[in-house]
Amino acid sequence: MRKTLLGGFLAAGLLMGCGGTDAEAPTDATAQEVSCYDACRQLYGLCMRAAQGNIEEQQQCAAEYVTCNELCPSLGVSR
């Protein structure tokens, strides 16, 4: 289940432009960054719901959330 969620994030991230920025349009890049972090939060919530009652899976969800945020573009906007 977790691999499916992470795979879904990566696919969604590519479609949203997560991980890439456009130097000519900082406003758009900032919006992409926020959207990427929002996607990470949403996927974390879905993962935690799927992992109810399983501490190991919940810990894996948390680790994947951190990884997800690390893959988002960083433009100096606080999270």
Protein backbone atom coordinates (compact mmCIF):
# COMPACT_ATOMS: atom_id res chain seq x y z
CA MET A 1 0.00 0.00 0.00
CA ARG A 2 2.76 2.45 0.93
CA LYS A 3 4.66 1.83 -2.30
CA THR A 4 1.47 2.54 -4.21
CA LEU A 5 0.99 5.83 -2.35
CA LEU A 6 4.61 6.89 -2.86
CA GLY A 7 4.41 5.90 -6.53
CA GLY A 8 1.22 7.90 -6.85
CA PHE A 9 2.93 10.91 -5.30
CA LEU A 10 5.85 10.68 -7.69
CA ALA A 11 3.51 10.49 -10.67
CA ALA A 12 1.40 13.37 -9.36
CA GLY A 13 4.53 15.36 -8.60
CA LEU A 14 5.75 15.02 -12.14
CA LEU A 15 2.39 16.17 -13.45
CA MET A 16 2.32 19.15 -11.06
CA GLY A 17 5.86 20.15 -11.86
CA CYS A 18 7.05 19.17 -8.40
CA GLY A 19 10.82 18.93 -8.40
CA GLY A 20 11.26 21.44 -11.20
CA THR A 21 11.13 25.20 -11.21
CA ASP A 22 10.86 27.88 -13.83
CA ALA A 23 13.42 30.63 -13.16
CA GLU A 24 11.45 33.12 -15.25
CA ALA A 25 8.27 32.79 -13.21
CA PRO A 26 9.04 32.77 -9.46
CA THR A 27 5.37 33.17 -8.59
CA ASP A 28 4.52 29.98 -10.48
CA ALA A 29 7.48 28.17 -8.92
CA THR A 30 6.37 29.23 -5.46
CA ALA A 31 2.88 27.93 -6.22
CA GLN A 32 4.40 24.63 -7.37
CA GLU A 33 6.37 24.38 -4.14
CA VAL A 34 3.28 24.97 -2.01
CA SER A 35 1.31 22.49 -4.13
CA CYS A 36 4.06 19.92 -3.66
CA TYR A 37 3.99 20.31 0.13
CA ASP A 38 0.19 20.16 0.06
CA ALA A 39 0.37 16.91 -1.92
CA CYS A 40 2.80 15.50 0.66
CA ARG A 41 0.38 16.36 3.47
CA GLN A 42 -2.55 14.79 1.65
CA LEU A 43 -0.63 11.60 0.91
CA TYR A 44 0.55 11.45 4.51
CA GLY A 45 -3.06 11.63 5.67
CA LEU A 46 -4.10 8.85 3.29
CA CYS A 47 -1.16 6.71 4.36
CA MET A 48 -1.95 7.19 8.06
CA ARG A 49 -5.58 6.21 7.48
CA ALA A 50 -4.47 3.05 5.68
CA ALA A 51 -2.00 2.28 8.50
CA GLN A 52 -4.49 2.62 11.37
CA GLY A 53 -3.47 0.48 14.31
CA ASN A 54 -0.13 -0.53 12.78
CA ILE A 55 2.68 1.43 14.42
CA GLU A 56 5.34 0.19 11.98
CA GLU A 57 3.32 1.34 8.99
CA GLN A 58 2.59 4.68 10.68
CA GLN A 59 6.33 5.16 11.18
CA GLN A 60 6.86 4.34 7.51
CA CYS A 61 4.22 6.94 6.59
CA ALA A 62 6.13 9.53 8.61
CA ALA A 63 9.42 8.60 6.93
CA GLU A 64 7.80 8.82 3.49
CA TYR A 65 6.33 12.22 4.41
CA VAL A 66 9.82 13.51 5.18
CA THR A 67 11.13 12.08 1.91
CA CYS A 68 8.23 13.60 0.01
CA ASN A 69 8.97 17.06 1.42
CA GLU A 70 12.66 16.67 0.59
CA LEU A 71 11.72 16.04 -3.06
CA CYS A 72 9.74 19.29 -3.28
CA PRO A 73 11.52 22.27 -4.83
CA SER A 74 13.05 24.60 -2.29
CA LEU A 75 12.78 28.30 -3.00
CA GLY A 76 13.22 29.61 0.51
CA VAL A 77 9.50 29.64 1.29
CA SER A 78 8.87 28.51 4.85
CA ARG A 79 6.71 25.43 5.26
